[in-house]
Amino acid sequence: RKERGEKEGQETFSVQTSSQLLESFNSIFAVVQAVFVGIAAISLIVGGIGIMNTMYTAVLERTKEIGTMKAVGAKNSDILLIFLFESGLLGLVGGAIGIGLGIGIGKAVEIIAQQQLGTPFLRASFSLTLILGALLFSFVVGSVSGVLPALQASRLKPADALRYE
């Protein structure tokens, strides 16, 4: 106040302690994290819809094959498991591609930051647990997305499926 010639209570400046500054950074990072979670959720929904659409197409294209399998003794549960496993594999492949891209982008940012900042403080690390968890999660998302098409395939009647053109 003496330096600026201001009276008490009429200051045009503010003073922050280090704990207040840390609180500000934490709130900013929480907002950034929420935005990233929202983007990831939208990506999962879009990916799930894509897998579901792919599986519906697969059911339509293989209707005669489903009829043949049922005619020779395949049970509804067998057909259901085939399509669930296939949709899970689609999710798994998508997850593996996503993990590969994520690791590549993370390492690229690490290298660029080291070159530009000249400091090794920014490191991208990927634990095996995180990678395996992401792969398992992508398999589950794929399987869940394939439930409705798999149910549709398993409920087809053999005679109707064999007549399908």
N, C-alpha and C. Protein backbone atom coordinates (compact mmCIF):
# COMPACT_ATOMS: atom_id res chain seq x y z
N ARG A 1 0.83 -1.19 0.00
CA ARG A 1 0.00 0.00 0.00
C ARG A 1 0.87 1.25 0.00
N LYS A 2 1.97 1.25 0.76
CA LYS A 2 2.85 2.42 0.81
C LYS A 2 3.45 2.68 -0.56
N GLU A 3 3.89 1.62 -1.23
CA GLU A 3 4.51 1.74 -2.55
C GLU A 3 3.54 2.33 -3.57
N ARG A 4 2.27 1.93 -3.50
CA ARG A 4 1.26 2.38 -4.47
C ARG A 4 0.48 3.58 -3.99
N GLY A 5 0.64 3.94 -2.75
CA GLY A 5 -0.08 5.08 -2.20
C GLY A 5 -1.57 4.83 -2.08
N GLU A 6 -1.94 3.62 -1.65
CA GLU A 6 -3.36 3.25 -1.53
C GLU A 6 -3.74 3.11 -0.07
N LYS A 7 -5.01 3.34 0.20
CA LYS A 7 -5.52 3.25 1.56
C LYS A 7 -5.99 1.83 1.84
N GLU A 8 -6.03 1.48 3.11
CA GLU A 8 -6.46 0.15 3.52
C GLU A 8 -7.92 -0.08 3.15
N GLY A 9 -8.19 -1.25 2.49
CA GLY A 9 -9.54 -1.59 2.03
C GLY A 9 -9.84 -1.11 0.63
N GLN A 10 -8.96 -0.27 0.05
CA GLN A 10 -9.17 0.22 -1.32
C GLN A 10 -8.03 -0.21 -2.25
N GLU A 11 -7.44 -1.36 -1.95
CA GLU A 11 -6.30 -1.84 -2.72
C GLU A 11 -6.74 -2.27 -4.13
N THR A 12 -5.86 -2.06 -5.09
CA THR A 12 -6.11 -2.51 -6.46
C THR A 12 -5.27 -3.73 -6.80
N PHE A 13 -4.79 -4.40 -5.79
CA PHE A 13 -3.97 -5.58 -5.98
C PHE A 13 -4.40 -6.64 -4.97
N SER A 14 -3.91 -7.86 -5.17
CA SER A 14 -4.20 -8.92 -4.21
C SER A 14 -2.92 -9.72 -3.98
N VAL A 15 -2.88 -10.37 -2.84
CA VAL A 15 -1.73 -11.17 -2.47
C VAL A 15 -2.21 -12.60 -2.28
N GLN A 16 -1.48 -13.54 -2.87
CA GLN A 16 -1.84 -14.95 -2.73
C GLN A 16 -0.72 -15.69 -2.03
N THR A 17 -1.12 -16.61 -1.16
CA THR A 17 -0.14 -17.49 -0.54
C THR A 17 0.11 -18.67 -1.47
N SER A 18 1.15 -19.41 -1.19
CA SER A 18 1.46 -20.56 -2.04
C SER A 18 0.36 -21.61 -1.98
N SER A 19 -0.32 -21.76 -0.86
CA SER A 19 -1.43 -22.73 -0.77
C SER A 19 -2.61 -22.28 -1.62
N GLN A 20 -2.88 -20.97 -1.69
CA GLN A 20 -3.95 -20.47 -2.55
C GLN A 20 -3.60 -20.67 -4.03
N LEU A 21 -2.33 -20.48 -4.35
CA LEU A 21 -1.89 -20.69 -5.73
C LEU A 21 -2.01 -22.17 -6.10
N LEU A 22 -1.66 -23.04 -5.17
CA LEU A 22 -1.80 -24.48 -5.41
C LEU A 22 -3.26 -24.86 -5.59
N GLU A 23 -4.15 -24.27 -4.83
CA GLU A 23 -5.59 -24.50 -4.99
C GLU A 23 -6.06 -24.07 -6.37
N SER A 24 -5.58 -22.94 -6.84
CA SER A 24 -5.95 -22.45 -8.17
C SER A 24 -5.50 -23.43 -9.25
N PHE A 25 -4.25 -23.88 -9.15
CA PHE A 25 -3.75 -24.86 -10.11
C PHE A 25 -4.56 -26.15 -10.06
N ASN A 26 -4.90 -26.61 -8.87
CA ASN A 26 -5.68 -27.85 -8.73
C ASN A 26 -7.05 -27.71 -9.37
N SER A 27 -7.69 -26.56 -9.20
CA SER A 27 -9.01 -26.38 -9.79
C SER A 27 -8.91 -26.31 -11.32
N ILE A 28 -7.87 -25.69 -11.84
CA ILE A 28 -7.68 -25.64 -13.30
C ILE A 28 -7.43 -27.04 -13.84
N PHE A 29 -6.58 -27.81 -13.17
CA PHE A 29 -6.29 -29.17 -13.62
C PHE A 29 -7.52 -30.06 -13.52
N ALA A 30 -8.38 -29.83 -12.53
CA ALA A 30 -9.62 -30.62 -12.41
C ALA A 30 -10.53 -30.36 -13.61
N VAL A 31 -10.61 -29.11 -14.05
CA VAL A 31 -11.44 -28.77 -15.22
C VAL A 31 -10.85 -29.42 -16.47
N VAL A 32 -9.54 -29.35 -16.63
CA VAL A 32 -8.89 -29.97 -17.80
C VAL A 32 -9.13 -31.48 -17.78
N GLN A 33 -9.00 -32.09 -16.61
CA GLN A 33 -9.22 -33.52 -16.49
C GLN A 33 -10.67 -33.88 -16.83
N ALA A 34 -11.62 -33.09 -16.38
CA ALA A 34 -13.03 -33.34 -16.69
C ALA A 34 -13.28 -33.25 -18.19
N VAL A 35 -12.64 -32.31 -18.86
CA VAL A 35 -12.79 -32.19 -20.32
C VAL A 35 -12.24 -33.43 -21.01
N PHE A 36 -11.07 -33.91 -20.56
CA PHE A 36 -10.49 -35.11 -21.16
C PHE A 36 -11.36 -36.34 -20.91
N VAL A 37 -11.93 -36.45 -19.73
CA VAL A 37 -12.82 -37.57 -19.43
C VAL A 37 -14.06 -37.51 -20.33
N GLY A 38 -14.59 -36.31 -20.54
CA GLY A 38 -15.74 -36.15 -21.43
C GLY A 38 -15.42 -36.56 -22.86
N ILE A 39 -14.25 -36.15 -23.33
CA ILE A 39 -13.83 -36.53 -24.69
C ILE A 39 -13.68 -38.04 -24.79
N ALA A 40 -13.08 -38.66 -23.77
CA ALA A 40 -12.90 -40.11 -23.78
C ALA A 40 -14.24 -40.83 -23.76
N ALA A 41 -15.20 -40.31 -22.98
CA ALA A 41 -16.52 -40.94 -22.91
C ALA A 41 -17.22 -40.87 -24.26
N ILE A 42 -17.12 -39.73 -24.92
CA ILE A 42 -17.74 -39.59 -26.24
C ILE A 42 -17.08 -40.55 -27.23
N SER A 43 -15.76 -40.69 -27.15
CA SER A 43 -15.04 -41.61 -28.03
C SER A 43 -15.49 -43.05 -27.80
N LEU A 44 -15.69 -43.43 -26.54
CA LEU A 44 -16.15 -44.78 -26.23
C LEU A 44 -17.55 -45.03 -26.78
N ILE A 45 -18.42 -44.06 -26.65
CA ILE A 45 -19.78 -44.22 -27.15
C ILE A 45 -19.77 -44.36 -28.68
N VAL A 46 -18.99 -43.51 -29.34
CA VAL A 46 -18.91 -43.58 -30.81
C VAL A 46 -18.31 -44.91 -31.25
N GLY A 47 -17.26 -45.35 -30.56
CA GLY A 47 -16.66 -46.64 -30.88
C GLY A 47 -17.62 -47.79 -30.66
N GLY A 48 -18.38 -47.75 -29.57
CA GLY A 48 -19.37 -48.79 -29.29
C GLY A 48 -20.46 -48.83 -30.34
N ILE A 49 -20.91 -47.68 -30.78
CA ILE A 49 -21.93 -47.63 -31.83
C ILE A 49 -21.37 -48.18 -33.14
N GLY A 50 -20.10 -47.86 -33.42
CA GLY A 50 -19.46 -48.39 -34.63
C GLY A 50 -19.36 -49.91 -34.59
N ILE A 51 -18.99 -50.45 -33.45
CA ILE A 51 -18.90 -51.91 -33.31
C ILE A 51 -20.28 -52.54 -33.46
N MET A 52 -21.29 -51.92 -32.85
CA MET A 52 -22.65 -52.45 -32.95
C MET A 52 -23.12 -52.45 -34.41
N ASN A 53 -22.85 -51.39 -35.11
CA ASN A 53 -23.24 -51.30 -36.53
C ASN A 53 -22.51 -52.37 -37.35
N THR A 54 -21.23 -52.55 -37.08
CA THR A 54 -20.46 -53.57 -37.78
C THR A 54 -21.03 -54.96 -37.51
N MET A 55 -21.42 -55.21 -36.27
CA MET A 55 -21.94 -56.53 -35.92
C MET A 55 -23.31 -56.76 -36.53
N TYR A 56 -24.16 -55.72 -36.58
CA TYR A 56 -25.45 -55.88 -37.26
C TYR A 56 -25.24 -56.24 -38.73
N THR A 57 -24.27 -55.59 -39.36
CA THR A 57 -23.96 -55.89 -40.75
C THR A 57 -23.45 -57.33 -40.89
N ALA A 58 -22.62 -57.76 -39.95
CA ALA A 58 -22.10 -59.13 -39.98
C ALA A 58 -23.23 -60.15 -39.84
N VAL A 59 -24.20 -59.85 -38.98
CA VAL A 59 -25.34 -60.76 -38.81
C VAL A 59 -26.13 -60.85 -40.12
N LEU A 60 -26.37 -59.70 -40.76
CA LEU A 60 -27.13 -59.71 -42.02
C LEU A 60 -26.37 -60.46 -43.11
N GLU A 61 -25.05 -60.26 -43.17
CA GLU A 61 -24.27 -60.91 -44.22
C GLU A 61 -24.14 -62.41 -44.00
N ARG A 62 -24.22 -62.84 -42.76
CA ARG A 62 -24.02 -64.26 -42.46
C ARG A 62 -25.28 -64.97 -42.03
N THR A 63 -26.42 -64.46 -42.43
CA THR A 63 -27.68 -65.07 -42.03
C THR A 63 -27.78 -66.51 -42.52
N LYS A 64 -27.39 -66.74 -43.76
CA LYS A 64 -27.44 -68.13 -44.27
C LYS A 64 -26.49 -69.04 -43.50
N GLU A 65 -25.31 -68.53 -43.15
CA GLU A 65 -24.36 -69.34 -42.38
C GLU A 65 -24.92 -69.67 -41.00
N ILE A 66 -25.59 -68.69 -40.40
CA ILE A 66 -26.21 -68.93 -39.09
C ILE A 66 -27.27 -70.01 -39.22
N GLY A 67 -28.07 -69.94 -40.29
CA GLY A 67 -29.08 -70.95 -40.54
C GLY A 67 -28.47 -72.33 -40.72
N THR A 68 -27.36 -72.40 -41.44
CA THR A 68 -26.68 -73.68 -41.64
C THR A 68 -26.15 -74.22 -40.32
N MET A 69 -25.54 -73.35 -39.53
CA MET A 69 -25.02 -73.80 -38.23
C MET A 69 -26.13 -74.32 -37.35
N LYS A 70 -27.26 -73.63 -37.34
CA LYS A 70 -28.39 -74.06 -36.51
C LYS A 70 -28.99 -75.35 -37.06
N ALA A 71 -29.00 -75.50 -38.38
CA ALA A 71 -29.57 -76.71 -38.98
C ALA A 71 -28.75 -77.95 -38.65
N VAL A 72 -27.44 -77.77 -38.46
CA VAL A 72 -26.60 -78.92 -38.12
C VAL A 72 -26.40 -79.09 -36.62
N GLY A 73 -27.13 -78.29 -35.82
CA GLY A 73 -27.13 -78.54 -34.38
C GLY A 73 -26.55 -77.47 -33.48
N ALA A 74 -26.17 -76.34 -34.00
CA ALA A 74 -25.65 -75.28 -33.13
C ALA A 74 -26.78 -74.72 -32.27
N LYS A 75 -26.48 -74.49 -31.00
CA LYS A 75 -27.47 -73.93 -30.08
C LYS A 75 -27.44 -72.40 -30.15
N ASN A 76 -28.50 -71.80 -29.64
CA ASN A 76 -28.55 -70.34 -29.59
C ASN A 76 -27.35 -69.78 -28.84
N SER A 77 -26.96 -70.44 -27.74
CA SER A 77 -25.83 -69.95 -26.94
C SER A 77 -24.52 -70.01 -27.74
N ASP A 78 -24.38 -71.00 -28.62
CA ASP A 78 -23.17 -71.09 -29.44
C ASP A 78 -23.07 -69.89 -30.39
N ILE A 79 -24.18 -69.59 -31.05
CA ILE A 79 -24.22 -68.45 -31.97
C ILE A 79 -23.96 -67.16 -31.21
N LEU A 80 -24.59 -67.02 -30.05
CA LEU A 80 -24.43 -65.82 -29.22
C LEU A 80 -22.96 -65.64 -28.85
N LEU A 81 -22.30 -66.71 -28.42
CA LEU A 81 -20.89 -66.61 -28.01
C LEU A 81 -19.99 -66.27 -29.19
N ILE A 82 -20.28 -66.82 -30.35
CA ILE A 82 -19.47 -66.52 -31.54
C ILE A 82 -19.50 -65.02 -31.83
N PHE A 83 -20.70 -64.44 -31.84
CA PHE A 83 -20.83 -63.02 -32.17
C PHE A 83 -20.32 -62.13 -31.04
N LEU A 84 -20.50 -62.54 -29.79
CA LEU A 84 -19.96 -61.75 -28.68
C LEU A 84 -18.44 -61.73 -28.72
N PHE A 85 -17.85 -62.89 -28.98
CA PHE A 85 -16.40 -62.97 -29.05
C PHE A 85 -15.87 -62.13 -30.21
N GLU A 86 -16.56 -62.17 -31.33
CA GLU A 86 -16.13 -61.38 -32.48
C GLU A 86 -16.21 -59.88 -32.18
N SER A 87 -17.28 -59.44 -31.55
CA SER A 87 -17.38 -58.02 -31.23
C SER A 87 -16.35 -57.63 -30.17
N GLY A 88 -16.05 -58.53 -29.24
CA GLY A 88 -15.00 -58.26 -28.26
C GLY A 88 -13.64 -58.12 -28.93
N LEU A 89 -13.38 -58.96 -29.93
CA LEU A 89 -12.11 -58.85 -30.66
C LEU A 89 -12.03 -57.54 -31.45
N LEU A 90 -13.15 -57.09 -32.00
CA LEU A 90 -13.15 -55.78 -32.67
C LEU A 90 -12.78 -54.68 -31.69
N GLY A 91 -13.37 -54.73 -30.49
CA GLY A 91 -13.03 -53.75 -29.46
C GLY A 91 -11.58 -53.85 -29.05
N LEU A 92 -11.07 -55.07 -28.93
CA LEU A 92 -9.68 -55.30 -28.53
C LEU A 92 -8.71 -54.73 -29.56
N VAL A 93 -8.99 -54.95 -30.83
CA VAL A 93 -8.13 -54.42 -31.89
C VAL A 93 -8.16 -52.88 -31.88
N GLY A 94 -9.35 -52.32 -31.71
CA GLY A 94 -9.46 -50.86 -31.62
C GLY A 94 -8.71 -50.33 -30.41
N GLY A 95 -8.80 -51.03 -29.29
CA GLY A 95 -8.06 -50.62 -28.09
C GLY A 95 -6.56 -50.70 -28.29
N ALA A 96 -6.10 -51.75 -28.96
CA ALA A 96 -4.66 -51.90 -29.21
C ALA A 96 -4.15 -50.77 -30.11
N ILE A 97 -4.94 -50.42 -31.12
CA ILE A 97 -4.55 -49.31 -32.00
C ILE A 97 -4.51 -48.01 -31.19
N GLY A 98 -5.52 -47.79 -30.35
CA GLY A 98 -5.55 -46.59 -29.51
C GLY A 98 -4.38 -46.52 -28.55
N ILE A 99 -4.02 -47.66 -27.96
CA ILE A 99 -2.88 -47.69 -27.04
C ILE A 99 -1.59 -47.38 -27.80
N GLY A 100 -1.45 -47.96 -28.97
CA GLY A 100 -0.27 -47.67 -29.78
C GLY A 100 -0.15 -46.19 -30.13
N LEU A 101 -1.27 -45.60 -30.55
CA LEU A 101 -1.26 -44.16 -30.85
C LEU A 101 -0.97 -43.33 -29.61
N GLY A 102 -1.57 -43.71 -28.48
CA GLY A 102 -1.36 -42.97 -27.24
C GLY A 102 0.09 -43.01 -26.79
N ILE A 103 0.70 -44.19 -26.86
CA ILE A 103 2.11 -44.30 -26.48
C ILE A 103 2.99 -43.50 -27.43
N GLY A 104 2.69 -43.58 -28.72
CA GLY A 104 3.47 -42.83 -29.70
C GLY A 104 3.37 -41.32 -29.49
N ILE A 105 2.17 -40.82 -29.27
CA ILE A 105 1.99 -39.38 -29.05
C ILE A 105 2.64 -38.97 -27.73
N GLY A 106 2.48 -39.79 -26.68
CA GLY A 106 3.09 -39.47 -25.39
C GLY A 106 4.60 -39.39 -25.48
N LYS A 107 5.22 -40.35 -26.15
CA LYS A 107 6.68 -40.33 -26.31
C LYS A 107 7.13 -39.16 -27.18
N ALA A 108 6.35 -38.83 -28.21
CA ALA A 108 6.69 -37.69 -29.07
C ALA A 108 6.67 -36.39 -28.26
N VAL A 109 5.66 -36.23 -27.42
CA VAL A 109 5.59 -35.03 -26.57
C VAL A 109 6.78 -35.00 -25.61
N GLU A 110 7.14 -36.14 -25.07
CA GLU A 110 8.30 -36.22 -24.16
C GLU A 110 9.57 -35.77 -24.87
N ILE A 111 9.79 -36.28 -26.07
CA ILE A 111 11.01 -35.93 -26.82
C ILE A 111 11.02 -34.46 -27.18
N ILE A 112 9.89 -33.94 -27.66
CA ILE A 112 9.81 -32.52 -28.03
C ILE A 112 10.03 -31.64 -26.81
N ALA A 113 9.44 -32.00 -25.68
CA ALA A 113 9.61 -31.21 -24.46
C ALA A 113 11.06 -31.23 -23.99
N GLN A 114 11.72 -32.37 -24.10
CA GLN A 114 13.13 -32.44 -23.70
C GLN A 114 14.00 -31.57 -24.60
N GLN A 115 13.69 -31.56 -25.89
CA GLN A 115 14.49 -30.75 -26.81
C GLN A 115 14.23 -29.26 -26.61
N GLN A 116 12.97 -28.88 -26.44
CA GLN A 116 12.63 -27.47 -26.32
C GLN A 116 12.96 -26.88 -24.96
N LEU A 117 12.71 -27.65 -23.90
CA LEU A 117 12.94 -27.15 -22.55
C LEU A 117 14.34 -27.46 -22.05
N GLY A 118 14.96 -28.47 -22.64
CA GLY A 118 16.30 -28.84 -22.22
C GLY A 118 16.33 -29.48 -20.84
N THR A 119 15.22 -30.03 -20.41
CA THR A 119 15.15 -30.65 -19.09
C THR A 119 14.42 -31.99 -19.20
N PRO A 120 14.85 -32.98 -18.44
CA PRO A 120 14.21 -34.31 -18.51
C PRO A 120 13.05 -34.49 -17.54
N PHE A 121 12.43 -33.40 -17.12
CA PHE A 121 11.38 -33.50 -16.10
C PHE A 121 10.07 -34.08 -16.63
N LEU A 122 9.77 -33.87 -17.89
CA LEU A 122 8.53 -34.38 -18.45
C LEU A 122 8.79 -35.75 -19.06
N ARG A 123 8.26 -36.80 -18.40
CA ARG A 123 8.47 -38.18 -18.87
C ARG A 123 7.12 -38.85 -19.06
N ALA A 124 6.99 -39.56 -20.17
CA ALA A 124 5.78 -40.35 -20.42
C ALA A 124 6.05 -41.77 -19.95
N SER A 125 5.23 -42.26 -19.04
CA SER A 125 5.42 -43.63 -18.56
C SER A 125 4.11 -44.39 -18.71
N PHE A 126 4.23 -45.65 -19.09
CA PHE A 126 3.07 -46.49 -19.34
C PHE A 126 3.30 -47.82 -18.62
N SER A 127 2.56 -48.04 -17.55
CA SER A 127 2.74 -49.28 -16.80
C SER A 127 2.03 -50.43 -17.51
N LEU A 128 2.52 -51.62 -17.28
CA LEU A 128 1.92 -52.81 -17.87
C LEU A 128 0.49 -52.98 -17.38
N THR A 129 0.25 -52.65 -16.12
CA THR A 129 -1.10 -52.74 -15.56
C THR A 129 -2.06 -51.83 -16.30
N LEU A 130 -1.62 -50.62 -16.60
CA LEU A 130 -2.46 -49.67 -17.33
C LEU A 130 -2.77 -50.18 -18.73
N ILE A 131 -1.78 -50.70 -19.41
CA ILE A 131 -1.98 -51.19 -20.78
C ILE A 131 -2.92 -52.40 -20.78
N LEU A 132 -2.69 -53.35 -19.88
CA LEU A 132 -3.55 -54.53 -19.82
C LEU A 132 -4.97 -54.16 -19.41
N GLY A 133 -5.11 -53.20 -18.50
CA GLY A 133 -6.44 -52.73 -18.10
C GLY A 133 -7.17 -52.08 -19.26
N ALA A 134 -6.45 -51.29 -20.05
CA ALA A 134 -7.06 -50.64 -21.21
C ALA A 134 -7.49 -51.68 -22.25
N LEU A 135 -6.66 -52.71 -22.45
CA LEU A 135 -7.02 -53.77 -23.40
C LEU A 135 -8.25 -54.54 -22.92
N LEU A 136 -8.28 -54.86 -21.63
CA LEU A 136 -9.44 -55.56 -21.07
C LEU A 136 -10.70 -54.71 -21.19
N PHE A 137 -10.56 -53.43 -20.88
CA PHE A 137 -11.71 -52.52 -20.97
C PHE A 137 -12.22 -52.42 -22.41
N SER A 138 -11.31 -52.35 -23.38
CA SER A 138 -11.74 -52.26 -24.77
C SER A 138 -12.43 -53.54 -25.21
N PHE A 139 -11.96 -54.70 -24.71
CA PHE A 139 -12.64 -55.96 -25.02
C PHE A 139 -14.05 -55.97 -24.44
N VAL A 140 -14.19 -55.49 -23.21
CA VAL A 140 -15.51 -55.45 -22.57
C VAL A 140 -16.45 -54.50 -23.31
N VAL A 141 -15.95 -53.32 -23.68
CA VAL A 141 -16.78 -52.36 -24.43
C VAL A 141 -17.22 -52.98 -25.75
N GLY A 142 -16.32 -53.66 -26.44
CA GLY A 142 -16.69 -54.32 -27.69
C GLY A 142 -17.73 -55.40 -27.48
N SER A 143 -17.55 -56.21 -26.44
CA SER A 143 -18.50 -57.28 -26.16
C SER A 143 -19.88 -56.72 -25.80
N VAL A 144 -19.91 -55.69 -24.98
CA VAL A 144 -21.19 -55.08 -24.59
C VAL A 144 -21.87 -54.48 -25.82
N SER A 145 -21.09 -53.88 -26.70
CA SER A 145 -21.67 -53.29 -27.91
C SER A 145 -22.22 -54.36 -28.84
N GLY A 146 -21.71 -55.57 -28.75
CA GLY A 146 -22.18 -56.63 -29.63
C GLY A 146 -23.30 -57.48 -29.06
N VAL A 147 -23.80 -57.15 -27.88
CA VAL A 147 -24.84 -57.97 -27.25
C VAL A 147 -26.12 -58.01 -28.09
N LEU A 148 -26.61 -56.85 -28.51
CA LEU A 148 -27.88 -56.82 -29.26
C LEU A 148 -27.77 -57.54 -30.61
N PRO A 149 -26.72 -57.28 -31.40
CA PRO A 149 -26.61 -58.05 -32.65
C PRO A 149 -26.44 -59.55 -32.40
N ALA A 150 -25.71 -59.92 -31.36
CA ALA A 150 -25.52 -61.35 -31.06
C ALA A 150 -26.84 -61.99 -30.65
N LEU A 151 -27.64 -61.27 -29.88
CA LEU A 151 -28.97 -61.80 -29.51
C LEU A 151 -29.83 -61.97 -30.75
N GLN A 152 -29.78 -61.00 -31.64
CA GLN A 152 -30.56 -61.08 -32.88
C GLN A 152 -30.12 -62.31 -33.69
N ALA A 153 -28.81 -62.53 -33.78
CA ALA A 153 -28.30 -63.67 -34.54
C ALA A 153 -28.71 -64.98 -33.90
N SER A 154 -28.66 -65.05 -32.58
CA SER A 154 -28.97 -66.31 -31.90
C SER A 154 -30.46 -66.65 -31.95
N ARG A 155 -31.30 -65.66 -32.14
CA ARG A 155 -32.75 -65.89 -32.14
C ARG A 155 -33.31 -66.20 -33.53
N LEU A 156 -32.44 -66.18 -34.54
CA LEU A 156 -32.92 -66.50 -35.89
C LEU A 156 -33.39 -67.96 -35.94
N LYS A 157 -34.47 -68.17 -36.65
CA LYS A 157 -34.97 -69.53 -36.85
C LYS A 157 -34.23 -70.13 -38.05
N PRO A 158 -33.80 -71.39 -37.95
CA PRO A 158 -32.99 -71.99 -39.03
C PRO A 158 -33.68 -71.92 -40.40
N ALA A 159 -34.95 -72.21 -40.47
CA ALA A 159 -35.64 -72.22 -41.76
C ALA A 159 -35.67 -70.81 -42.37
N ASP A 160 -35.97 -69.80 -41.55
CA ASP A 160 -36.01 -68.43 -42.04
C ASP A 160 -34.61 -67.96 -42.48
N ALA A 161 -33.61 -68.35 -41.71
CA ALA A 161 -32.24 -67.94 -42.03
C ALA A 161 -31.76 -68.56 -43.33
N LEU A 162 -32.13 -69.81 -43.57
CA LEU A 162 -31.70 -70.47 -44.79
C LEU A 162 -32.40 -69.92 -46.02
N ARG A 163 -33.61 -69.39 -45.86
CA ARG A 163 -34.36 -68.81 -46.97
C ARG A 163 -33.93 -67.37 -47.26
N TYR A 164 -33.19 -66.75 -46.35
CA TYR A 164 -32.84 -65.32 -46.47
C TYR A 164 -31.96 -65.09 -47.69
N GLU A 165 -32.25 -64.07 -48.45
CA GLU A 165 -31.45 -63.74 -49.64
C GLU A 165 -30.67 -62.50 -49.37
